[in-house]
Amino acid sequence: MSLSASAPHTFEDRGPTAVAVYWTQVGVATVVVAARFYTRKRMRMTGVDDWLMLVTLVSSSSMLWQKLAHTSGIRSYLESSRRS
């Protein structure tokens, strides 16, 4: 089987799948951080590591929002300009 006889490449948009996976990860991380804070607050043992986990969760979530806003804005602009 030669390479030239292979089917042409088809490009599919995997963006929605990537966003769904990322949202799932953010959801699980939120539950884990909330459970950790709840447990550590009840034990009165919150420390720097707990707060760093929260900062990391917030920053990673904000990067998702920025990526969605940037991608959606450019994509909608390009699609509207192609239709005109």
PDB file of N, CA and C in Angstrom:
ATOM      1  N   MET A   1       0.844  -1.169   0.000  1.00  0.00           N
ATOM      2  CA  MET A   1       0.000   0.000   0.000  1.00  0.00           C
ATOM      3  C   MET A   1       0.894   1.238   0.000  1.00  0.00           C
ATOM      4  N   SER A   2       0.725   2.057  -0.979  1.00  0.00           N
ATOM      5  CA  SER A   2       1.549   3.258  -1.073  1.00  0.00           C
ATOM      6  C   SER A   2       0.879   4.420  -0.356  1.00  0.00           C
ATOM      7  N   LEU A   3       1.681   5.403  -0.041  1.00  0.00           N
ATOM      8  CA  LEU A   3       1.155   6.574   0.652  1.00  0.00           C
ATOM      9  C   LEU A   3       0.253   7.412  -0.238  1.00  0.00           C
ATOM     10  N   SER A   4       0.512   7.419  -1.522  1.00  0.00           N
ATOM     11  CA  SER A   4      -0.290   8.236  -2.423  1.00  0.00           C
ATOM     12  C   SER A   4      -1.697   7.681  -2.591  1.00  0.00           C
ATOM     13  N   ALA A   5      -1.913   6.419  -2.284  1.00  0.00           N
ATOM     14  CA  ALA A   5      -3.233   5.813  -2.438  1.00  0.00           C
ATOM     15  C   ALA A   5      -4.100   5.996  -1.201  1.00  0.00           C
ATOM     16  N   SER A   6      -3.565   6.593  -0.174  1.00  0.00           N
ATOM     17  CA  SER A   6      -4.353   6.749   1.054  1.00  0.00           C
ATOM     18  C   SER A   6      -5.415   7.831   0.870  1.00  0.00           C
ATOM     19  N   ALA A   7      -6.415   7.780   1.728  1.00  0.00           N
ATOM     20  CA  ALA A   7      -7.516   8.743   1.653  1.00  0.00           C
ATOM     21  C   ALA A   7      -7.010  10.135   2.010  1.00  0.00           C
ATOM     22  N   PRO A   8      -7.619  11.157   1.425  1.00  0.00           N
ATOM     23  CA  PRO A   8      -7.202  12.523   1.766  1.00  0.00           C
ATOM     24  C   PRO A   8      -7.522  12.826   3.224  1.00  0.00           C
ATOM     25  N   HIS A   9      -6.725  13.717   3.780  1.00  0.00           N
ATOM     26  CA  HIS A   9      -6.929  14.086   5.177  1.00  0.00           C
ATOM     27  C   HIS A   9      -8.211  14.875   5.323  1.00  0.00           C
ATOM     28  N   THR A  10      -8.958  14.535   6.315  1.00  0.00           N
ATOM     29  CA  THR A  10     -10.131  15.330   6.654  1.00  0.00           C
ATOM     30  C   THR A  10      -9.861  15.999   7.988  1.00  0.00           C
ATOM     31  N   PHE A  11     -10.162  17.261   8.064  1.00  0.00           N
ATOM     32  CA  PHE A  11      -9.919  18.021   9.275  1.00  0.00           C
ATOM     33  C   PHE A  11     -11.240  18.237   9.986  1.00  0.00           C
ATOM     34  N   GLU A  12     -11.306  17.747  11.197  1.00  0.00           N
ATOM     35  CA  GLU A  12     -12.518  17.933  11.976  1.00  0.00           C
ATOM     36  C   GLU A  12     -12.234  18.880  13.132  1.00  0.00           C
ATOM     37  N   ASP A  13     -13.255  19.568  13.555  1.00  0.00           N
ATOM     38  CA  ASP A  13     -13.122  20.517  14.650  1.00  0.00           C
ATOM     39  C   ASP A  13     -13.214  19.770  15.975  1.00  0.00           C
ATOM     40  N   ARG A  14     -12.097  19.675  16.677  1.00  0.00           N
ATOM     41  CA  ARG A  14     -12.081  18.991  17.963  1.00  0.00           C
ATOM     42  C   ARG A  14     -12.197  19.973  19.127  1.00  0.00           C
ATOM     43  N   GLY A  15     -12.446  21.215  18.805  1.00  0.00           N
ATOM     44  CA  GLY A  15     -12.549  22.241  19.835  1.00  0.00           C
ATOM     45  C   GLY A  15     -13.621  21.969  20.873  1.00  0.00           C
ATOM     46  N   PRO A  16     -14.854  21.626  20.447  1.00  0.00           N
ATOM     47  CA  PRO A  16     -15.898  21.357  21.447  1.00  0.00           C
ATOM     48  C   PRO A  16     -15.550  20.195  22.382  1.00  0.00           C
ATOM     49  N   THR A  17     -14.894  19.185  21.853  1.00  0.00           N
ATOM     50  CA  THR A  17     -14.479  18.064  22.699  1.00  0.00           C
ATOM     51  C   THR A  17     -13.426  18.504  23.699  1.00  0.00           C
ATOM     52  N   ALA A  18     -12.472  19.294  23.254  1.00  0.00           N
ATOM     53  CA  ALA A  18     -11.433  19.792  24.152  1.00  0.00           C
ATOM     54  C   ALA A  18     -12.029  20.665  25.252  1.00  0.00           C
ATOM     55  N   VAL A  19     -12.986  21.501  24.895  1.00  0.00           N
ATOM     56  CA  VAL A  19     -13.630  22.367  25.889  1.00  0.00           C
ATOM     57  C   VAL A  19     -14.417  21.527  26.892  1.00  0.00           C
ATOM     58  N   ALA A  20     -15.105  20.488  26.415  1.00  0.00           N
ATOM     59  CA  ALA A  20     -15.863  19.615  27.325  1.00  0.00           C
ATOM     60  C   ALA A  20     -14.928  18.894  28.296  1.00  0.00           C
ATOM     61  N   VAL A  21     -13.802  18.424  27.808  1.00  0.00           N
ATOM     62  CA  VAL A  21     -12.830  17.746  28.673  1.00  0.00           C
ATOM     63  C   VAL A  21     -12.283  18.734  29.701  1.00  0.00           C
ATOM     64  N   TYR A  22     -11.980  19.952  29.275  1.00  0.00           N
ATOM     65  CA  TYR A  22     -11.426  20.940  30.196  1.00  0.00           C
ATOM     66  C   TYR A  22     -12.443  21.326  31.261  1.00  0.00           C
ATOM     67  N   TRP A  23     -13.711  21.508  30.864  1.00  0.00           N
ATOM     68  CA  TRP A  23     -14.752  21.837  31.835  1.00  0.00           C
ATOM     69  C   TRP A  23     -14.930  20.709  32.842  1.00  0.00           C
ATOM     70  N   THR A  24     -14.813  19.461  32.374  1.00  0.00           N
ATOM     71  CA  THR A  24     -14.911  18.325  33.285  1.00  0.00           C
ATOM     72  C   THR A  24     -13.767  18.356  34.296  1.00  0.00           C
ATOM     73  N   GLN A  25     -12.575  18.644  33.817  1.00  0.00           N
ATOM     74  CA  GLN A  25     -11.427  18.726  34.717  1.00  0.00           C
ATOM     75  C   GLN A  25     -11.592  19.856  35.729  1.00  0.00           C
ATOM     76  N   VAL A  26     -12.093  20.993  35.285  1.00  0.00           N
ATOM     77  CA  VAL A  26     -12.312  22.126  36.199  1.00  0.00           C
ATOM     78  C   VAL A  26     -13.379  21.764  37.231  1.00  0.00           C
ATOM     79  N   GLY A  27     -14.421  21.058  36.804  1.00  0.00           N
ATOM     80  CA  GLY A  27     -15.471  20.642  37.738  1.00  0.00           C
ATOM     81  C   GLY A  27     -14.958  19.694  38.802  1.00  0.00           C
ATOM     82  N   VAL A  28     -14.186  18.698  38.387  1.00  0.00           N
ATOM     83  CA  VAL A  28     -13.616  17.750  39.353  1.00  0.00           C
ATOM     84  C   VAL A  28     -12.642  18.467  40.284  1.00  0.00           C
ATOM     85  N   ALA A  29     -11.816  19.343  39.740  1.00  0.00           N
ATOM     86  CA  ALA A  29     -10.867  20.082  40.569  1.00  0.00           C
ATOM     87  C   ALA A  29     -11.586  20.969  41.581  1.00  0.00           C
ATOM     88  N   THR A  30     -12.687  21.573  41.179  1.00  0.00           N
ATOM     89  CA  THR A  30     -13.458  22.423  42.086  1.00  0.00           C
ATOM     90  C   THR A  30     -14.010  21.606  43.244  1.00  0.00           C
ATOM     91  N   VAL A  31     -14.533  20.424  42.940  1.00  0.00           N
ATOM     92  CA  VAL A  31     -15.063  19.556  43.999  1.00  0.00           C
ATOM     93  C   VAL A  31     -13.945  19.140  44.956  1.00  0.00           C
ATOM     94  N   VAL A  32     -12.794  18.785  44.414  1.00  0.00           N
ATOM     95  CA  VAL A  32     -11.677  18.346  45.253  1.00  0.00           C
ATOM     96  C   VAL A  32     -11.186  19.492  46.145  1.00  0.00           C
ATOM     97  N   VAL A  33     -11.027  20.675  45.584  1.00  0.00           N
ATOM     98  CA  VAL A  33     -10.548  21.821  46.380  1.00  0.00           C
ATOM     99  C   VAL A  33     -11.580  22.204  47.437  1.00  0.00           C
ATOM    100  N   ALA A  34     -12.863  22.172  47.073  1.00  0.00           N
ATOM    101  CA  ALA A  34     -13.904  22.499  48.054  1.00  0.00           C
ATOM    102  C   ALA A  34     -13.922  21.475  49.187  1.00  0.00           C
ATOM    103  N   ALA A  35     -13.781  20.194  48.859  1.00  0.00           N
ATOM    104  CA  ALA A  35     -13.753  19.155  49.895  1.00  0.00           C
ATOM    105  C   ALA A  35     -12.535  19.321  50.797  1.00  0.00           C
ATOM    106  N   ARG A  36     -11.415  19.664  50.186  1.00  0.00           N
ATOM    107  CA  ARG A  36     -10.198  19.864  50.988  1.00  0.00           C
ATOM    108  C   ARG A  36     -10.363  21.047  51.936  1.00  0.00           C
ATOM    109  N   PHE A  37     -10.909  22.171  51.435  1.00  0.00           N
ATOM    110  CA  PHE A  37     -11.118  23.332  52.296  1.00  0.00           C
ATOM    111  C   PHE A  37     -12.103  23.013  53.413  1.00  0.00           C
ATOM    112  N   TYR A  38     -13.158  22.306  53.083  1.00  0.00           N
ATOM    113  CA  TYR A  38     -14.157  21.949  54.096  1.00  0.00           C
ATOM    114  C   TYR A  38     -13.511  21.123  55.207  1.00  0.00           C
ATOM    115  N   THR A  39     -12.751  20.119  54.793  1.00  0.00           N
ATOM    116  CA  THR A  39     -12.111  19.240  55.768  1.00  0.00           C
ATOM    117  C   THR A  39     -11.079  19.987  56.605  1.00  0.00           C
ATOM    118  N   ARG A  40     -10.247  20.770  55.933  1.00  0.00           N
ATOM    119  CA  ARG A  40      -9.185  21.474  56.658  1.00  0.00           C
ATOM    120  C   ARG A  40      -9.755  22.570  57.571  1.00  0.00           C
ATOM    121  N   LYS A  41     -10.852  23.212  57.159  1.00  0.00           N
ATOM    122  CA  LYS A  41     -11.489  24.227  58.020  1.00  0.00           C
ATOM    123  C   LYS A  41     -12.061  23.577  59.269  1.00  0.00           C
ATOM    124  N   ARG A  42     -12.682  22.402  59.103  1.00  0.00           N
ATOM    125  CA  ARG A  42     -13.242  21.707  60.267  1.00  0.00           C
ATOM    126  C   ARG A  42     -12.144  21.267  61.229  1.00  0.00           C
ATOM    127  N   MET A  43     -11.006  20.912  60.690  1.00  0.00           N
ATOM    128  CA  MET A  43      -9.876  20.504  61.530  1.00  0.00           C
ATOM    129  C   MET A  43      -9.074  21.714  61.998  1.00  0.00           C
ATOM    130  N   ARG A  44      -9.422  22.897  61.500  1.00  0.00           N
ATOM    131  CA  ARG A  44      -8.709  24.143  61.809  1.00  0.00           C
ATOM    132  C   ARG A  44      -7.225  24.030  61.469  1.00  0.00           C
ATOM    133  N   MET A  45      -6.973  23.524  60.234  1.00  0.00           N
ATOM    134  CA  MET A  45      -5.591  23.311  59.807  1.00  0.00           C
ATOM    135  C   MET A  45      -5.326  23.863  58.400  1.00  0.00           C
ATOM    136  N   THR A  46      -6.016  24.907  57.990  1.00  0.00           N
ATOM    137  CA  THR A  46      -5.745  25.436  56.656  1.00  0.00           C
ATOM    138  C   THR A  46      -4.350  26.043  56.625  1.00  0.00           C
ATOM    139  N   GLY A  47      -3.682  25.825  55.518  1.00  0.00           N
ATOM    140  CA  GLY A  47      -2.321  26.322  55.393  1.00  0.00           C
ATOM    141  C   GLY A  47      -2.089  26.975  54.040  1.00  0.00           C
ATOM    142  N   VAL A  48      -0.860  27.296  53.796  1.00  0.00           N
ATOM    143  CA  VAL A  48      -0.474  27.951  52.545  1.00  0.00           C
ATOM    144  C   VAL A  48      -0.766  27.053  51.347  1.00  0.00           C
ATOM    145  N   ASP A  49      -0.559  25.762  51.506  1.00  0.00           N
ATOM    146  CA  ASP A  49      -0.796  24.847  50.397  1.00  0.00           C
ATOM    147  C   ASP A  49      -2.260  24.844  49.961  1.00  0.00           C
ATOM    148  N   ASP A  50      -3.188  25.001  50.908  1.00  0.00           N
ATOM    149  CA  ASP A  50      -4.613  25.061  50.566  1.00  0.00           C
ATOM    150  C   ASP A  50      -4.918  26.313  49.742  1.00  0.00           C
ATOM    151  N   TRP A  51      -4.373  27.427  50.171  1.00  0.00           N
ATOM    152  CA  TRP A  51      -4.616  28.680  49.458  1.00  0.00           C
ATOM    153  C   TRP A  51      -3.958  28.666  48.076  1.00  0.00           C
ATOM    154  N   LEU A  52      -2.810  28.018  47.960  1.00  0.00           N
ATOM    155  CA  LEU A  52      -2.167  27.903  46.644  1.00  0.00           C
ATOM    156  C   LEU A  52      -2.991  27.040  45.689  1.00  0.00           C
ATOM    157  N   MET A  53      -3.626  26.003  46.240  1.00  0.00           N
ATOM    158  CA  MET A  53      -4.519  25.186  45.407  1.00  0.00           C
ATOM    159  C   MET A  53      -5.686  26.027  44.888  1.00  0.00           C
ATOM    160  N   LEU A  54      -6.228  26.877  45.728  1.00  0.00           N
ATOM    161  CA  LEU A  54      -7.341  27.730  45.326  1.00  0.00           C
ATOM    162  C   LEU A  54      -6.905  28.742  44.268  1.00  0.00           C
ATOM    163  N   VAL A  55      -5.745  29.339  44.459  1.00  0.00           N
ATOM    164  CA  VAL A  55      -5.217  30.295  43.478  1.00  0.00           C
ATOM    165  C   VAL A  55      -4.998  29.607  42.132  1.00  0.00           C
ATOM    166  N   THR A  56      -4.461  28.404  42.159  1.00  0.00           N
ATOM    167  CA  THR A  56      -4.238  27.649  40.926  1.00  0.00           C
ATOM    168  C   THR A  56      -5.549  27.322  40.237  1.00  0.00           C
ATOM    169  N   LEU A  57      -6.552  26.930  41.000  1.00  0.00           N
ATOM    170  CA  LEU A  57      -7.857  26.620  40.418  1.00  0.00           C
ATOM    171  C   LEU A  57      -8.475  27.852  39.766  1.00  0.00           C
ATOM    172  N   VAL A  58      -8.406  28.982  40.443  1.00  0.00           N
ATOM    173  CA  VAL A  58      -8.973  30.218  39.890  1.00  0.00           C
ATOM    174  C   VAL A  58      -8.224  30.646  38.628  1.00  0.00           C
ATOM    175  N   SER A  59      -6.903  30.563  38.660  1.00  0.00           N
ATOM    176  CA  SER A  59      -6.137  30.996  37.482  1.00  0.00           C
ATOM    177  C   SER A  59      -6.364  30.073  36.293  1.00  0.00           C
ATOM    178  N   SER A  60      -6.463  28.772  36.520  1.00  0.00           N
ATOM    179  CA  SER A  60      -6.711  27.867  35.397  1.00  0.00           C
ATOM    180  C   SER A  60      -8.118  28.053  34.845  1.00  0.00           C
ATOM    181  N   SER A  61      -9.075  28.336  35.709  1.00  0.00           N
ATOM    182  CA  SER A  61     -10.435  28.601  35.237  1.00  0.00           C
ATOM    183  C   SER A  61     -10.498  29.896  34.441  1.00  0.00           C
ATOM    184  N   SER A  62      -9.762  30.902  34.876  1.00  0.00           N
ATOM    185  CA  SER A  62      -9.773  32.172  34.149  1.00  0.00           C
ATOM    186  C   SER A  62      -9.096  32.038  32.787  1.00  0.00           C
ATOM    187  N   MET A  63      -8.078  31.174  32.700  1.00  0.00           N
ATOM    188  CA  MET A  63      -7.458  30.940  31.389  1.00  0.00           C
ATOM    189  C   MET A  63      -8.448  30.296  30.434  1.00  0.00           C
ATOM    190  N   LEU A  64      -9.320  29.422  30.947  1.00  0.00           N
ATOM    191  CA  LEU A  64     -10.352  28.816  30.100  1.00  0.00           C
ATOM    192  C   LEU A  64     -11.302  29.883  29.576  1.00  0.00           C
ATOM    193  N   TRP A  65     -11.746  30.776  30.448  1.00  0.00           N
ATOM    194  CA  TRP A  65     -12.654  31.844  30.024  1.00  0.00           C
ATOM    195  C   TRP A  65     -11.994  32.742  28.975  1.00  0.00           C
ATOM    196  N   GLN A  66     -10.723  33.059  29.165  1.00  0.00           N
ATOM    197  CA  GLN A  66     -10.025  33.892  28.189  1.00  0.00           C
ATOM    198  C   GLN A  66      -9.913  33.185  26.847  1.00  0.00           C
ATOM    199  N   LYS A  67      -9.598  31.912  26.874  1.00  0.00           N
ATOM    200  CA  LYS A  67      -9.469  31.137  25.633  1.00  0.00           C
ATOM    201  C   LYS A  67     -10.802  31.057  24.914  1.00  0.00           C
ATOM    202  N   LEU A  68     -11.879  30.822  25.660  1.00  0.00           N
ATOM    203  CA  LEU A  68     -13.200  30.756  25.034  1.00  0.00           C
ATOM    204  C   LEU A  68     -13.601  32.097  24.436  1.00  0.00           C
ATOM    205  N   ALA A  69     -13.336  33.163  25.147  1.00  0.00           N
ATOM    206  CA  ALA A  69     -13.694  34.487  24.642  1.00  0.00           C
ATOM    207  C   ALA A  69     -12.882  34.822  23.396  1.00  0.00           C
ATOM    208  N   HIS A  70     -11.611  34.506  23.408  1.00  0.00           N
ATOM    209  CA  HIS A  70     -10.746  34.800  22.258  1.00  0.00           C
ATOM    210  C   HIS A  70     -11.150  33.959  21.051  1.00  0.00           C
ATOM    211  N   THR A  71     -11.339  32.672  21.246  1.00  0.00           N
ATOM    212  CA  THR A  71     -11.680  31.776  20.138  1.00  0.00           C
ATOM    213  C   THR A  71     -13.048  32.097  19.582  1.00  0.00           C
ATOM    214  N   SER A  72     -14.025  32.276  20.449  1.00  0.00           N
ATOM    215  CA  SER A  72     -15.380  32.555  19.981  1.00  0.00           C
ATOM    216  C   SER A  72     -15.443  33.891  19.267  1.00  0.00           C
ATOM    217  N   GLY A  73     -14.730  34.877  19.783  1.00  0.00           N
ATOM    218  CA  GLY A  73     -14.755  36.191  19.150  1.00  0.00           C
ATOM    219  C   GLY A  73     -14.143  36.181  17.766  1.00  0.00           C
ATOM    220  N   ILE A  74     -12.989  35.562  17.613  1.00  0.00           N
ATOM    221  CA  ILE A  74     -12.320  35.531  16.312  1.00  0.00           C
ATOM    222  C   ILE A  74     -13.079  34.641  15.347  1.00  0.00           C
ATOM    223  N   ARG A  75     -13.533  33.487  15.831  1.00  0.00           N
ATOM    224  CA  ARG A  75     -14.246  32.566  14.946  1.00  0.00           C
ATOM    225  C   ARG A  75     -15.528  33.203  14.416  1.00  0.00           C
ATOM    226  N   SER A  76     -16.296  33.849  15.294  1.00  0.00           N
ATOM    227  CA  SER A  76     -17.542  34.452  14.837  1.00  0.00           C
ATOM    228  C   SER A  76     -17.257  35.610  13.877  1.00  0.00           C
ATOM    229  N   TYR A  77     -16.185  36.357  14.110  1.00  0.00           N
ATOM    230  CA  TYR A  77     -15.823  37.443  13.213  1.00  0.00           C
ATOM    231  C   TYR A  77     -15.434  36.907  11.834  1.00  0.00           C
ATOM    232  N   LEU A  78     -14.617  35.860  11.808  1.00  0.00           N
ATOM    233  CA  LEU A  78     -14.192  35.294  10.525  1.00  0.00           C
ATOM    234  C   LEU A  78     -15.352  34.682   9.760  1.00  0.00           C
ATOM    235  N   GLU A  79     -16.245  34.005  10.464  1.00  0.00           N
ATOM    236  CA  GLU A  79     -17.393  33.399   9.797  1.00  0.00           C
ATOM    237  C   GLU A  79     -18.327  34.462   9.238  1.00  0.00           C
ATOM    238  N   SER A  80     -18.519  35.547   9.964  1.00  0.00           N
ATOM    239  CA  SER A  80     -19.395  36.602   9.466  1.00  0.00           C
ATOM    240  C   SER A  80     -18.774  37.330   8.265  1.00  0.00           C
ATOM    241  N   SER A  81     -17.441  37.484   8.273  1.00  0.00           N
ATOM    242  CA  SER A  81     -16.803  38.162   7.142  1.00  0.00           C
ATOM    243  C   SER A  81     -16.788  37.270   5.896  1.00  0.00           C
ATOM    244  N   ARG A  82     -16.757  35.973   6.070  1.00  0.00           N
ATOM    245  CA  ARG A  82     -16.808  35.070   4.906  1.00  0.00           C
ATOM    246  C   ARG A  82     -18.175  35.045   4.268  1.00  0.00           C
ATOM    247  N   ARG A  83     -19.213  35.201   5.070  1.00  0.00           N
ATOM    248  CA  ARG A  83     -20.584  35.187   4.539  1.00  0.00           C
ATOM    249  C   ARG A  83     -20.904  36.432   3.733  1.00  0.00           C
ATOM    250  N   SER A  84     -20.224  37.521   4.027  1.00  0.00           N
ATOM    251  CA  SER A  84     -20.527  38.798   3.357  1.00  0.00           C
ATOM    252  C   SER A  84     -20.015  38.827   1.948  1.00  0.00           C
TER     253      SER A  84
END
